[in-house]
Amino acid sequence: MKVTQGKPLQGLRGRGAEPHNILRHELMGLRTEVEDSSNSDVKGLCGIVVDETRNMLVIENERGKEKKIPKTGNIFVFELNGEVRVRVKGDMLVSRPEDRIKK
């Protein structure tokens, strides 16, 4: 993952996020990479999660451009605390963020 510009939101750099609780954690502010996708245009996209809806992650890439990526059909790798990388099937993330966090 080589995101040079764009910084995680202050206070949300994966603090409290662990591999075992990533599905229940706030994703905004985490660095991510689209590791695999049925859409070759987004495969390999790296950046910071800047927004999340029920079905989409909005990722700001290294050029500062926001890309809306569907959760379904993609595999994401999230970087936690700058050290740990966690692979997550996007299908497991499909739900409103506030509902997923409550589970």
Protein backbone atom coordinates (compact mmCIF):
# COMPACT_ATOMS: atom_id res chain seq x y z
CA MET A 1 0.00 0.00 0.00
CA LYS A 2 1.65 3.22 -0.99
CA VAL A 3 -0.55 6.19 -0.23
CA THR A 4 1.69 9.20 0.01
CA GLN A 5 -0.84 12.00 0.19
CA GLY A 6 -4.07 11.97 2.13
CA LYS A 7 -3.83 11.40 5.82
CA PRO A 8 -6.12 9.42 8.10
CA LEU A 9 -8.59 11.52 10.02
CA GLN A 10 -7.15 12.51 13.36
CA GLY A 11 -8.08 10.09 16.10
CA LEU A 12 -9.30 7.40 13.70
CA ARG A 13 -6.08 5.71 12.67
CA GLY A 14 -7.38 2.30 13.61
CA ARG A 15 -7.24 2.98 17.32
CA GLY A 16 -9.27 0.26 18.99
CA ALA A 17 -9.51 -1.71 15.77
CA GLU A 18 -8.10 -5.19 16.01
CA PRO A 19 -8.25 -8.00 13.46
CA HIS A 20 -10.91 -9.78 15.52
CA ASN A 21 -13.25 -6.74 15.67
CA ILE A 22 -12.75 -5.08 12.29
CA LEU A 23 -16.33 -5.85 11.21
CA ARG A 24 -17.66 -3.92 14.21
CA HIS A 25 -15.22 -1.04 13.95
CA GLU A 26 -15.53 2.39 12.32
CA LEU A 27 -13.83 2.17 8.92
CA MET A 28 -13.58 5.90 8.20
CA GLY A 29 -10.00 7.08 8.49
CA LEU A 30 -8.47 3.66 7.85
CA ARG A 31 -6.07 3.08 4.99
CA THR A 32 -7.37 0.44 2.60
CA GLU A 33 -6.56 -1.31 -0.62
CA VAL A 34 -8.94 -3.07 -3.00
CA GLU A 35 -7.05 -6.34 -3.19
CA ASP A 36 -9.41 -8.16 -5.52
CA SER A 37 -12.41 -7.07 -7.54
CA SER A 38 -14.54 -8.18 -10.43
CA ASN A 39 -13.97 -4.63 -11.77
CA SER A 40 -10.37 -4.37 -12.98
CA ASP A 41 -10.57 -0.55 -12.80
CA VAL A 42 -10.67 -0.56 -8.99
CA LYS A 43 -8.42 -3.54 -8.30
CA GLY A 44 -5.32 -2.25 -6.55
CA LEU A 45 -6.87 1.09 -5.58
CA CYS A 46 -5.32 2.41 -2.36
CA GLY A 47 -6.38 5.25 -0.14
CA ILE A 48 -8.18 6.43 2.97
CA VAL A 49 -11.82 5.59 3.69
CA VAL A 50 -13.52 8.99 3.88
CA ASP A 51 -17.17 7.91 3.84
CA GLU A 52 -19.28 4.79 4.07
CA THR A 53 -22.84 3.94 3.11
CA ARG A 54 -24.77 0.70 3.32
CA ASN A 55 -23.34 -0.59 0.04
CA MET A 56 -20.31 1.60 -0.70
CA LEU A 57 -16.98 2.73 0.63
CA VAL A 58 -15.72 6.12 -0.52
CA ILE A 59 -11.94 5.99 -0.79
CA GLU A 60 -9.77 9.05 -1.31
CA ASN A 61 -6.84 8.02 -3.48
CA GLU A 62 -3.30 9.37 -3.42
CA ARG A 63 -4.24 12.19 -5.80
CA GLY A 64 -7.03 13.39 -3.51
CA LYS A 65 -9.79 12.06 -5.76
CA GLU A 66 -12.70 10.24 -4.15
CA LYS A 67 -13.76 6.89 -5.61
CA LYS A 68 -17.01 5.14 -4.69
CA ILE A 69 -16.38 1.42 -4.43
CA PRO A 70 -19.18 -1.11 -3.90
CA LYS A 71 -18.62 -3.38 -0.92
CA THR A 72 -20.17 -6.40 -2.62
CA GLY A 73 -17.84 -8.34 -4.89
CA ASN A 74 -14.62 -6.76 -3.61
CA ILE A 75 -11.96 -7.83 -1.15
CA PHE A 76 -10.45 -5.04 0.93
CA VAL A 77 -7.25 -4.97 2.97
CA PHE A 78 -7.43 -2.53 5.90
CA GLU A 79 -4.32 -1.25 7.65
CA LEU A 80 -4.66 -1.01 11.43
CA ASN A 81 -2.33 1.22 13.44
CA GLY A 82 0.11 1.31 10.53
CA GLU A 83 1.22 -2.25 11.27
CA VAL A 84 -1.44 -4.92 10.90
CA ARG A 85 -3.19 -5.63 7.59
CA VAL A 86 -6.60 -7.33 7.68
CA ARG A 87 -8.28 -8.86 4.63
CA VAL A 88 -12.10 -8.53 4.58
CA LYS A 89 -14.65 -9.66 2.01
CA GLY A 90 -16.74 -6.62 1.20
CA ASP A 91 -19.90 -8.74 1.33
CA MET A 92 -19.35 -9.02 5.11
CA LEU A 93 -19.42 -5.22 5.41
CA VAL A 94 -22.77 -4.69 3.67
CA SER A 95 -25.01 -2.88 6.14
CA ARG A 96 -25.41 0.64 7.39
CA PRO A 97 -22.26 1.55 9.31
CA GLU A 98 -24.20 2.48 12.44
CA ASP A 99 -25.99 -0.89 12.39
CA ARG A 100 -22.83 -2.90 11.73
CA ILE A 101 -21.03 -1.24 14.65
CA LYS A 102 -23.91 -2.07 17.05
CA LYS A 103 -23.88 -5.81 16.26
